[in-house]
Amino acid sequence: MTAVWGSTFAVVKQLGEVLPPAVLIAWRFLIAALALLPAALLLRPARPAVAPASPLWRDGLLLGAWLIAGYGTQTVALQTTGANRAAFFTALSVVLVPLWLVAAQRRRIPAVLWAALPLAVAGLALLSWEGGRLVVGDLWALACAVTYAGFIVTLEKVARNHAPLPFTLAQVLAVAGLALVWAAVAEPGRLLPPPGAWGPLLYLGVVATALTTLLQTVGQRHVSAAEASLVYTLEPVAATAFSFVLIGEQVGVRGLLGGLLVVGATILSTRGDEAPHAELPAPAPER
C-alpha cells in the first residue's frame, strides 16, 4: 500500500495544475466507489451471527470524516508550504498515534516501538525536512498529522467489526459525498475534469484509493495502530525510489541515510508484541 502511495506524487502534482483540490478529491473517491461497488455487491457477506458493535454506515461515515479532514488540511497546507516540509509534518502522525493510544485508551505500547519512533522521525527529517522559518502551512500540515493519526487509531478500533469490502466501500462513499459537497460550494463552475485528466484520475481512484483503502482496512485487522503508523512512514521512501527509477531524480547521501533509518525503524517495530490485537474482541463469525 505504501509503495502505491509513493507512486502517486507525480500524478497528484500533474492533476493539481488542472483541477482544484476539492474537485480532484471528489472525483478520485467517486471513481474509487464505482470501482468497489460491483465487487461489494457480488461478494456481499452473509449476515453475521452476532450483530456488530455499531452500524456499517456509522463507522464508514466516521472514518470518512477523518479522511476528508486529513485530505483537506493537507491541501490547504500545500498552498503555503513546500511539499517536502508538508510531508515531514504530516508524517509526524507516527509519533502522535502511540501518544494518542496511551492518553485516550491507556494502552501499553511495547518498548521496542518507542525505540523505533525516534529512528523514524530522524529518517523522515533527513528525507524531507527543508528547514527555514515556520509558516502557516506548517500548522495546517500538523493538523493533517493529527487527523490522520485519529483515522489510524479509529480504524484499528472498528476494522474488525465489519467485512473488509463493504466497510471499505462505506468509507470511500462517505469521503466522496463530503468532497462533492466541498467541491459544489468551493468550485461550483469547475466540477467536470478536462479530457486529459481522466487517465490519471482513473489510476488514483482505482489503484491508489480503492485498492489501498481496502488493503489498509484488511491490514489493520491484524496490525496494531502503532505498528501501522510506522509502516506508513515507508511512503516517502517509496516516493524517493519511484522518483529515481521513473524520472531519474538522484538520491543524495542524506536521503539514502534517511530512507535506511525509516526502513530500520519499520523492521524494528515488527519485533514488538507477537499478538498486537490480543486486547481486541474476536471478529463476528461469517459464512
C-alpha atoms as a PDB file:
ATOM      1  CA  MET A   1       0.000   0.000   0.000  1.00  0.00           C
ATOM      2  CA  THR A   2       2.735   2.470   0.892  1.00  0.00           C
ATOM      3  CA  ALA A   3       4.528   1.606  -2.364  1.00  0.00           C
ATOM      4  CA  VAL A   4       1.417   2.613  -4.324  1.00  0.00           C
ATOM      5  CA  TRP A   5       1.102   5.805  -2.287  1.00  0.00           C
ATOM      6  CA  GLY A   6       4.707   6.612  -3.109  1.00  0.00           C
ATOM      7  CA  SER A   7       3.966   6.357  -6.830  1.00  0.00           C
ATOM      8  CA  THR A   8       1.205   8.971  -6.756  1.00  0.00           C
ATOM      9  CA  PHE A   9       3.152  12.177  -6.078  1.00  0.00           C
ATOM     10  CA  ALA A  10       3.816  12.953  -9.734  1.00  0.00           C
ATOM     11  CA  VAL A  11       0.213  12.093 -10.665  1.00  0.00           C
ATOM     12  CA  VAL A  12      -1.308  14.347  -7.998  1.00  0.00           C
ATOM     13  CA  LYS A  13       1.079  17.168  -8.881  1.00  0.00           C
ATOM     14  CA  GLN A  14       0.087  16.902 -12.539  1.00  0.00           C
ATOM     15  CA  LEU A  15      -3.636  16.890 -11.780  1.00  0.00           C
ATOM     16  CA  GLY A  16      -3.285  19.768  -9.331  1.00  0.00           C
ATOM     17  CA  GLU A  17      -2.372  22.022 -12.247  1.00  0.00           C
ATOM     18  CA  VAL A  18      -5.737  21.477 -13.966  1.00  0.00           C
ATOM     19  CA  LEU A  19      -8.141  20.599 -11.133  1.00  0.00           C
ATOM     20  CA  PRO A  20      -8.979  22.401  -7.874  1.00  0.00           C
ATOM     21  CA  PRO A  21      -8.204  20.247  -4.811  1.00  0.00           C
ATOM     22  CA  ALA A  22     -11.865  19.727  -3.850  1.00  0.00           C
ATOM     23  CA  VAL A  23     -12.777  18.570  -7.367  1.00  0.00           C
ATOM     24  CA  LEU A  24      -9.741  16.271  -7.541  1.00  0.00           C
ATOM     25  CA  ILE A  25     -10.607  14.591  -4.232  1.00  0.00           C
ATOM     26  CA  ALA A  26     -14.288  14.297  -5.137  1.00  0.00           C
ATOM     27  CA  TRP A  27     -13.630  12.558  -8.453  1.00  0.00           C
ATOM     28  CA  ARG A  28     -10.845  10.414  -7.013  1.00  0.00           C
ATOM     29  CA  PHE A  29     -13.134   8.941  -4.358  1.00  0.00           C
ATOM     30  CA  LEU A  30     -16.183   8.768  -6.625  1.00  0.00           C
ATOM     31  CA  ILE A  31     -14.197   6.652  -9.105  1.00  0.00           C
ATOM     32  CA  ALA A  32     -12.957   4.508  -6.207  1.00  0.00           C
ATOM     33  CA  ALA A  33     -16.535   3.948  -5.042  1.00  0.00           C
ATOM     34  CA  LEU A  34     -17.648   2.935  -8.552  1.00  0.00           C
ATOM     35  CA  ALA A  35     -14.686   0.529  -8.773  1.00  0.00           C
ATOM     36  CA  LEU A  36     -15.565  -1.139  -5.455  1.00  0.00           C
ATOM     37  CA  LEU A  37     -19.340  -1.274  -5.924  1.00  0.00           C
ATOM     38  CA  PRO A  38     -19.594  -4.326  -8.279  1.00  0.00           C
ATOM     39  CA  ALA A  39     -17.310  -6.464  -6.100  1.00  0.00           C
ATOM     40  CA  ALA A  40     -19.131  -5.367  -2.937  1.00  0.00           C
ATOM     41  CA  LEU A  41     -22.469  -6.402  -4.448  1.00  0.00           C
ATOM     42  CA  LEU A  42     -21.228  -9.712  -5.865  1.00  0.00           C
ATOM     43  CA  LEU A  43     -19.242 -10.729  -2.791  1.00  0.00           C
ATOM     44  CA  ARG A  44     -21.678  -9.463  -0.196  1.00  0.00           C
ATOM     45  CA  PRO A  45     -21.057 -11.443   3.022  1.00  0.00           C
ATOM     46  CA  ALA A  46     -23.821 -13.299   4.797  1.00  0.00           C
ATOM     47  CA  ARG A  47     -25.376 -11.628   7.799  1.00  0.00           C
ATOM     48  CA  PRO A  48     -23.107 -12.316  10.821  1.00  0.00           C
ATOM     49  CA  ALA A  49     -24.457 -14.422  13.646  1.00  0.00           C
ATOM     50  CA  VAL A  50     -23.588 -11.623  16.076  1.00  0.00           C
ATOM     51  CA  ALA A  51     -24.505  -8.050  15.196  1.00  0.00           C
ATOM     52  CA  PRO A  52     -21.523  -5.650  15.012  1.00  0.00           C
ATOM     53  CA  ALA A  53     -21.000  -3.181  17.810  1.00  0.00           C
ATOM     54  CA  SER A  54     -22.002  -0.265  15.558  1.00  0.00           C
ATOM     55  CA  PRO A  55     -23.714   0.039  12.142  1.00  0.00           C
ATOM     56  CA  LEU A  56     -21.633  -0.104   8.978  1.00  0.00           C
ATOM     57  CA  TRP A  57     -22.835   3.264   7.725  1.00  0.00           C
ATOM     58  CA  ARG A  58     -21.963   4.969  11.025  1.00  0.00           C
ATOM     59  CA  ASP A  59     -18.406   3.618  11.131  1.00  0.00           C
ATOM     60  CA  GLY A  60     -17.940   4.389   7.420  1.00  0.00           C
ATOM     61  CA  LEU A  61     -19.098   7.976   7.916  1.00  0.00           C
ATOM     62  CA  LEU A  62     -16.881   8.385  10.983  1.00  0.00           C
ATOM     63  CA  LEU A  63     -13.773   7.220   9.135  1.00  0.00           C
ATOM     64  CA  GLY A  64     -14.764   9.187   6.039  1.00  0.00           C
ATOM     65  CA  ALA A  65     -14.903  12.341   8.155  1.00  0.00           C
ATOM     66  CA  TRP A  66     -11.391  11.652   9.492  1.00  0.00           C
ATOM     67  CA  LEU A  67     -10.142  11.065   5.928  1.00  0.00           C
ATOM     68  CA  ILE A  68     -11.671  14.190   4.404  1.00  0.00           C
ATOM     69  CA  ALA A  69     -10.259  16.215   7.303  1.00  0.00           C
ATOM     70  CA  GLY A  70      -6.815  14.811   6.530  1.00  0.00           C
ATOM     71  CA  TYR A  71      -7.057  15.468   2.802  1.00  0.00           C
ATOM     72  CA  GLY A  72      -8.473  18.945   3.386  1.00  0.00           C
ATOM     73  CA  THR A  73      -5.833  20.125   5.855  1.00  0.00           C
ATOM     74  CA  GLN A  74      -3.053  18.716   3.673  1.00  0.00           C
ATOM     75  CA  THR A  75      -4.445  20.511   0.624  1.00  0.00           C
ATOM     76  CA  VAL A  76      -4.557  23.837   2.478  1.00  0.00           C
ATOM     77  CA  ALA A  77      -1.042  23.227   3.823  1.00  0.00           C
ATOM     78  CA  LEU A  78       0.408  22.767   0.338  1.00  0.00           C
ATOM     79  CA  GLN A  79      -0.795  26.236  -0.673  1.00  0.00           C
ATOM     80  CA  THR A  80       1.722  27.951   1.610  1.00  0.00           C
ATOM     81  CA  THR A  81       4.447  25.413   2.401  1.00  0.00           C
ATOM     82  CA  GLY A  82       6.680  23.131   0.377  1.00  0.00           C
ATOM     83  CA  ALA A  83       5.699  19.581  -0.439  1.00  0.00           C
ATOM     84  CA  ASN A  84       8.709  18.113   1.374  1.00  0.00           C
ATOM     85  CA  ARG A  85       8.062  20.109   4.544  1.00  0.00           C
ATOM     86  CA  ALA A  86       4.374  19.185   4.426  1.00  0.00           C
ATOM     87  CA  ALA A  87       5.348  15.524   4.048  1.00  0.00           C
ATOM     88  CA  PHE A  88       7.584  15.762   7.115  1.00  0.00           C
ATOM     89  CA  PHE A  89       4.969  17.408   9.347  1.00  0.00           C
ATOM     90  CA  THR A  90       2.227  15.090   8.119  1.00  0.00           C
ATOM     91  CA  ALA A  91       4.372  12.033   8.791  1.00  0.00           C
ATOM     92  CA  LEU A  92       4.653  13.075  12.444  1.00  0.00           C
ATOM     93  CA  SER A  93       1.441  11.071  12.875  1.00  0.00           C
ATOM     94  CA  VAL A  94       3.891   8.205  13.503  1.00  0.00           C
ATOM     95  CA  VAL A  95       4.568   9.828  16.894  1.00  0.00           C
ATOM     96  CA  LEU A  96       1.015  11.001  17.542  1.00  0.00           C
ATOM     97  CA  VAL A  97      -0.564   7.552  17.161  1.00  0.00           C
ATOM     98  CA  PRO A  98       1.156   5.896  20.161  1.00  0.00           C
ATOM     99  CA  LEU A  99       0.713   9.065  22.224  1.00  0.00           C
ATOM    100  CA  TRP A 100      -2.988   9.011  21.331  1.00  0.00           C
ATOM    101  CA  LEU A 101      -3.264   5.348  22.322  1.00  0.00           C
ATOM    102  CA  VAL A 102      -1.555   5.924  25.657  1.00  0.00           C
ATOM    103  CA  ALA A 103      -3.537   9.057  26.536  1.00  0.00           C
ATOM    104  CA  ALA A 104      -7.028   8.105  25.316  1.00  0.00           C
ATOM    105  CA  GLN A 105      -7.091   4.328  25.643  1.00  0.00           C
ATOM    106  CA  ARG A 106      -4.453   3.810  28.352  1.00  0.00           C
ATOM    107  CA  ARG A 107      -2.803   1.218  26.138  1.00  0.00           C
ATOM    108  CA  ARG A 108       0.671  -0.103  26.856  1.00  0.00           C
ATOM    109  CA  ILE A 109       2.934   0.451  23.873  1.00  0.00           C
ATOM    110  CA  PRO A 110       5.814  -2.076  23.574  1.00  0.00           C
ATOM    111  CA  ALA A 111       9.219  -0.616  24.407  1.00  0.00           C
ATOM    112  CA  VAL A 112      10.567  -1.642  21.002  1.00  0.00           C
ATOM    113  CA  LEU A 113       8.025   0.643  19.311  1.00  0.00           C
ATOM    114  CA  TRP A 114       9.115   3.580  21.452  1.00  0.00           C
ATOM    115  CA  ALA A 115      12.684   2.819  20.374  1.00  0.00           C
ATOM    116  CA  ALA A 116      11.649   2.771  16.699  1.00  0.00           C
ATOM    117  CA  LEU A 117       9.879   6.163  16.840  1.00  0.00           C
ATOM    118  CA  PRO A 118      12.961   8.437  17.058  1.00  0.00           C
ATOM    119  CA  LEU A 119      14.616   6.454  14.251  1.00  0.00           C
ATOM    120  CA  ALA A 120      11.565   7.004  12.048  1.00  0.00           C
ATOM    121  CA  VAL A 121      11.351  10.735  12.815  1.00  0.00           C
ATOM    122  CA  ALA A 122      15.087  11.197  12.189  1.00  0.00           C
ATOM    123  CA  GLY A 123      14.792   9.338   8.894  1.00  0.00           C
ATOM    124  CA  LEU A 124      11.804  11.431   7.814  1.00  0.00           C
ATOM    125  CA  ALA A 125      13.685  14.609   8.698  1.00  0.00           C
ATOM    126  CA  LEU A 126      16.646  13.573   6.533  1.00  0.00           C
ATOM    127  CA  LEU A 127      14.300  12.630   3.682  1.00  0.00           C
ATOM    128  CA  SER A 128      12.052  15.676   3.628  1.00  0.00           C
ATOM    129  CA  TRP A 129      12.907  18.494   6.048  1.00  0.00           C
ATOM    130  CA  GLU A 130      13.892  21.658   4.172  1.00  0.00           C
ATOM    131  CA  GLY A 131      14.490  23.956   7.136  1.00  0.00           C
ATOM    132  CA  GLY A 132      13.675  27.669   7.234  1.00  0.00           C
ATOM    133  CA  ARG A 133      11.174  29.613   9.312  1.00  0.00           C
ATOM    134  CA  LEU A 134       7.777  28.160  10.117  1.00  0.00           C
ATOM    135  CA  VAL A 135       4.809  29.302   8.017  1.00  0.00           C
ATOM    136  CA  VAL A 136       1.058  28.897   8.417  1.00  0.00           C
ATOM    137  CA  GLY A 137       1.084  25.932   6.029  1.00  0.00           C
ATOM    138  CA  ASP A 138       3.251  24.032   8.501  1.00  0.00           C
ATOM    139  CA  LEU A 139       0.479  24.352  11.094  1.00  0.00           C
ATOM    140  CA  TRP A 140      -2.063  23.009   8.616  1.00  0.00           C
ATOM    141  CA  ALA A 141       0.289  20.082   7.909  1.00  0.00           C
ATOM    142  CA  LEU A 142       0.495  19.398  11.639  1.00  0.00           C
ATOM    143  CA  ALA A 143      -3.308  19.412  11.712  1.00  0.00           C
ATOM    144  CA  CYS A 144      -3.185  16.810   8.941  1.00  0.00           C
ATOM    145  CA  ALA A 145      -0.909  14.665  11.116  1.00  0.00           C
ATOM    146  CA  VAL A 146      -3.404  14.908  13.994  1.00  0.00           C
ATOM    147  CA  THR A 147      -6.385  13.978  11.826  1.00  0.00           C
ATOM    148  CA  TYR A 148      -4.600  11.099  10.135  1.00  0.00           C
ATOM    149  CA  ALA A 149      -3.447   9.765  13.493  1.00  0.00           C
ATOM    150  CA  GLY A 150      -7.095   9.874  14.536  1.00  0.00           C
ATOM    151  CA  PHE A 151      -8.021   7.917  11.418  1.00  0.00           C
ATOM    152  CA  ILE A 152      -5.420   5.208  12.102  1.00  0.00           C
ATOM    153  CA  VAL A 153      -6.489   4.800  15.726  1.00  0.00           C
ATOM    154  CA  THR A 154     -10.199   4.767  14.856  1.00  0.00           C
ATOM    155  CA  LEU A 155      -9.673   2.277  12.020  1.00  0.00           C
ATOM    156  CA  GLU A 156      -7.926  -0.138  14.373  1.00  0.00           C
ATOM    157  CA  LYS A 157     -10.859   0.117  16.774  1.00  0.00           C
ATOM    158  CA  VAL A 158     -13.620  -0.648  14.254  1.00  0.00           C
ATOM    159  CA  ALA A 159     -11.927  -2.550  11.400  1.00  0.00           C
ATOM    160  CA  ARG A 160     -12.765  -5.971  12.791  1.00  0.00           C
ATOM    161  CA  ASN A 161     -16.447  -5.138  13.253  1.00  0.00           C
ATOM    162  CA  HIS A 162     -17.222  -5.370   9.538  1.00  0.00           C
ATOM    163  CA  ALA A 163     -16.277  -7.343   6.441  1.00  0.00           C
ATOM    164  CA  PRO A 164     -13.415  -5.501   4.665  1.00  0.00           C
ATOM    165  CA  LEU A 165     -15.003  -4.919   1.241  1.00  0.00           C
ATOM    166  CA  PRO A 166     -18.335  -3.320   2.257  1.00  0.00           C
ATOM    167  CA  PHE A 167     -16.587  -1.397   5.018  1.00  0.00           C
ATOM    168  CA  THR A 168     -14.066  -0.009   2.520  1.00  0.00           C
ATOM    169  CA  LEU A 169     -16.913   0.998   0.208  1.00  0.00           C
ATOM    170  CA  ALA A 170     -18.679   2.755   3.083  1.00  0.00           C
ATOM    171  CA  GLN A 171     -15.555   4.792   3.864  1.00  0.00           C
ATOM    172  CA  VAL A 172     -14.954   5.731   0.232  1.00  0.00           C
ATOM    173  CA  LEU A 173     -18.604   6.704  -0.319  1.00  0.00           C
ATOM    174  CA  ALA A 174     -18.502   8.906   2.770  1.00  0.00           C
ATOM    175  CA  VAL A 175     -15.407  10.758   1.524  1.00  0.00           C
ATOM    176  CA  ALA A 176     -16.868  11.076  -1.990  1.00  0.00           C
ATOM    177  CA  GLY A 177     -20.089  12.567  -0.629  1.00  0.00           C
ATOM    178  CA  LEU A 178     -18.314  15.027   1.677  1.00  0.00           C
ATOM    179  CA  ALA A 179     -15.862  16.010  -1.080  1.00  0.00           C
ATOM    180  CA  LEU A 180     -18.692  16.587  -3.580  1.00  0.00           C
ATOM    181  CA  VAL A 181     -20.351  18.976  -1.120  1.00  0.00           C
ATOM    182  CA  TRP A 182     -16.997  20.748  -0.640  1.00  0.00           C
ATOM    183  CA  ALA A 183     -16.464  20.989  -4.417  1.00  0.00           C
ATOM    184  CA  ALA A 184     -20.013  22.229  -5.061  1.00  0.00           C
ATOM    185  CA  VAL A 185     -19.534  25.017  -2.519  1.00  0.00           C
ATOM    186  CA  ALA A 186     -15.922  25.946  -3.339  1.00  0.00           C
ATOM    187  CA  GLU A 187     -15.831  25.352  -7.111  1.00  0.00           C
ATOM    188  CA  PRO A 188     -19.423  25.342  -8.432  1.00  0.00           C
ATOM    189  CA  GLY A 189     -18.397  26.029 -12.017  1.00  0.00           C
ATOM    190  CA  ARG A 190     -15.471  23.608 -12.287  1.00  0.00           C
ATOM    191  CA  LEU A 191     -16.895  20.226 -11.351  1.00  0.00           C
ATOM    192  CA  LEU A 192     -16.094  18.448 -14.639  1.00  0.00           C
ATOM    193  CA  PRO A 193     -12.443  17.454 -15.266  1.00  0.00           C
ATOM    194  CA  PRO A 194     -10.853  18.202 -18.654  1.00  0.00           C
ATOM    195  CA  PRO A 195     -10.456  15.217 -21.031  1.00  0.00           C
ATOM    196  CA  GLY A 196      -6.740  14.798 -20.335  1.00  0.00           C
ATOM    197  CA  ALA A 197      -7.334  14.342 -16.586  1.00  0.00           C
ATOM    198  CA  TRP A 198      -9.336  11.114 -16.818  1.00  0.00           C
ATOM    199  CA  GLY A 199      -6.363   8.754 -17.168  1.00  0.00           C
ATOM    200  CA  PRO A 200      -4.557   9.982 -14.034  1.00  0.00           C
ATOM    201  CA  LEU A 201      -7.881  10.163 -12.178  1.00  0.00           C
ATOM    202  CA  LEU A 202      -8.624   6.531 -13.016  1.00  0.00           C
ATOM    203  CA  TYR A 203      -5.234   5.470 -11.651  1.00  0.00           C
ATOM    204  CA  LEU A 204      -5.726   7.487  -8.470  1.00  0.00           C
ATOM    205  CA  GLY A 205      -9.290   6.289  -7.992  1.00  0.00           C
ATOM    206  CA  VAL A 206      -8.938   2.581  -8.767  1.00  0.00           C
ATOM    207  CA  VAL A 207      -5.381   1.763  -7.689  1.00  0.00           C
ATOM    208  CA  ALA A 208      -4.324   4.488  -5.254  1.00  0.00           C
ATOM    209  CA  THR A 209      -7.670   4.831  -3.458  1.00  0.00           C
ATOM    210  CA  ALA A 210      -9.970   1.802  -3.873  1.00  0.00           C
ATOM    211  CA  LEU A 211      -7.166  -0.772  -3.657  1.00  0.00           C
ATOM    212  CA  THR A 212      -5.096   0.974  -0.972  1.00  0.00           C
ATOM    213  CA  THR A 213      -8.103   1.723   1.257  1.00  0.00           C
ATOM    214  CA  LEU A 214      -9.104  -1.938   1.042  1.00  0.00           C
ATOM    215  CA  LEU A 215      -5.550  -3.059   1.851  1.00  0.00           C
ATOM    216  CA  GLN A 216      -5.422  -0.643   4.785  1.00  0.00           C
ATOM    217  CA  THR A 217      -8.752  -1.879   6.133  1.00  0.00           C
ATOM    218  CA  VAL A 218      -7.627  -5.513   5.862  1.00  0.00           C
ATOM    219  CA  GLY A 219      -4.151  -4.803   7.242  1.00  0.00           C
ATOM    220  CA  GLN A 220      -5.333  -3.031  10.378  1.00  0.00           C
ATOM    221  CA  ARG A 221      -7.499  -6.006  11.290  1.00  0.00           C
ATOM    222  CA  HIS A 222      -4.210  -7.748  12.137  1.00  0.00           C
ATOM    223  CA  VAL A 223      -1.639  -4.967  12.782  1.00  0.00           C
ATOM    224  CA  SER A 224      -1.865  -2.551  15.684  1.00  0.00           C
ATOM    225  CA  ALA A 225      -2.311   1.174  15.048  1.00  0.00           C
ATOM    226  CA  ALA A 226       1.159   1.961  16.437  1.00  0.00           C
ATOM    227  CA  GLU A 227       2.830  -0.594  14.164  1.00  0.00           C
ATOM    228  CA  ALA A 228       0.762   0.546  11.180  1.00  0.00           C
ATOM    229  CA  SER A 229       1.826   4.168  11.660  1.00  0.00           C
ATOM    230  CA  LEU A 230       5.463   3.083  11.434  1.00  0.00           C
ATOM    231  CA  VAL A 231       4.813   1.039   8.299  1.00  0.00           C
ATOM    232  CA  TYR A 232       3.190   4.102   6.717  1.00  0.00           C
ATOM    233  CA  THR A 233       6.454   6.040   7.076  1.00  0.00           C
ATOM    234  CA  LEU A 234       7.740   3.920   4.183  1.00  0.00           C
ATOM    235  CA  GLU A 235       5.675   6.132   1.843  1.00  0.00           C
ATOM    236  CA  PRO A 236       8.367   8.822   1.360  1.00  0.00           C
ATOM    237  CA  VAL A 237      10.957   6.064   0.930  1.00  0.00           C
ATOM    238  CA  ALA A 238       8.835   4.559  -1.849  1.00  0.00           C
ATOM    239  CA  ALA A 239       8.325   8.010  -3.371  1.00  0.00           C
ATOM    240  CA  THR A 240      12.078   8.577  -3.439  1.00  0.00           C
ATOM    241  CA  ALA A 241      12.652   5.199  -5.088  1.00  0.00           C
ATOM    242  CA  PHE A 242       9.979   5.817  -7.731  1.00  0.00           C
ATOM    243  CA  SER A 243      11.391   9.284  -8.446  1.00  0.00           C
ATOM    244  CA  PHE A 244      14.808   7.753  -9.040  1.00  0.00           C
ATOM    245  CA  VAL A 245      13.547   4.911 -11.251  1.00  0.00           C
ATOM    246  CA  LEU A 246      10.880   6.773 -13.236  1.00  0.00           C
ATOM    247  CA  ILE A 247      12.219  10.304 -13.675  1.00  0.00           C
ATOM    248  CA  GLY A 248      15.893   9.949 -12.794  1.00  0.00           C
ATOM    249  CA  GLU A 249      15.956  12.094  -9.653  1.00  0.00           C
ATOM    250  CA  GLN A 250      19.213  11.482  -7.809  1.00  0.00           C
ATOM    251  CA  VAL A 251      19.196  10.381  -4.192  1.00  0.00           C
ATOM    252  CA  GLY A 252      21.837  12.101  -2.086  1.00  0.00           C
ATOM    253  CA  VAL A 253      23.656  10.716   0.926  1.00  0.00           C
ATOM    254  CA  ARG A 254      21.212  12.435   3.290  1.00  0.00           C
ATOM    255  CA  GLY A 255      18.187  10.948   1.530  1.00  0.00           C
ATOM    256  CA  LEU A 256      19.770   7.498   1.414  1.00  0.00           C
ATOM    257  CA  LEU A 257      20.554   7.617   5.128  1.00  0.00           C
ATOM    258  CA  GLY A 258      17.053   8.860   5.910  1.00  0.00           C
ATOM    259  CA  GLY A 259      15.499   6.023   3.924  1.00  0.00           C
ATOM    260  CA  LEU A 260      17.653   3.461   5.702  1.00  0.00           C
ATOM    261  CA  LEU A 261      16.633   4.848   9.107  1.00  0.00           C
ATOM    262  CA  VAL A 262      12.933   4.650   8.211  1.00  0.00           C
ATOM    263  CA  VAL A 263      13.304   1.095   6.918  1.00  0.00           C
ATOM    264  CA  GLY A 264      15.264   0.177  10.048  1.00  0.00           C
ATOM    265  CA  ALA A 265      12.564   1.666  12.289  1.00  0.00           C
ATOM    266  CA  THR A 266       9.885  -0.285  10.449  1.00  0.00           C
ATOM    267  CA  ILE A 267      11.794  -3.556  10.778  1.00  0.00           C
ATOM    268  CA  LEU A 268      12.438  -2.842  14.458  1.00  0.00           C
ATOM    269  CA  SER A 269       8.720  -2.245  15.029  1.00  0.00           C
ATOM    270  CA  THR A 270       7.938  -5.787  13.888  1.00  0.00           C
ATOM    271  CA  ARG A 271       9.897  -7.100  16.872  1.00  0.00           C
ATOM    272  CA  GLY A 272       7.176  -5.884  19.207  1.00  0.00           C
ATOM    273  CA  ASP A 273       4.236  -7.825  20.571  1.00  0.00           C
ATOM    274  CA  GLU A 274       3.595 -11.099  18.807  1.00  0.00           C
ATOM    275  CA  ALA A 275      -0.166 -10.593  19.189  1.00  0.00           C
ATOM    276  CA  PRO A 276      -0.785  -6.835  18.916  1.00  0.00           C
ATOM    277  CA  HIS A 277      -4.540  -7.315  18.753  1.00  0.00           C
ATOM    278  CA  ALA A 278      -4.851  -9.553  21.805  1.00  0.00           C
ATOM    279  CA  GLU A 279      -6.882  -6.857  23.523  1.00  0.00           C
ATOM    280  CA  LEU A 280      -9.473  -6.739  20.722  1.00  0.00           C
ATOM    281  CA  PRO A 281     -12.581  -8.927  20.600  1.00  0.00           C
ATOM    282  CA  ALA A 282     -12.729 -11.685  18.010  1.00  0.00           C
ATOM    283  CA  PRO A 283     -14.498 -10.728  14.767  1.00  0.00           C
ATOM    284  CA  ALA A 284     -18.112 -11.753  14.281  1.00  0.00           C
ATOM    285  CA  PRO A 285     -18.346 -15.123  12.518  1.00  0.00           C
ATOM    286  CA  GLU A 286     -19.226 -15.078   8.835  1.00  0.00           C
ATOM    287  CA  ARG A 287     -20.360 -17.819   6.500  1.00  0.00           C
END
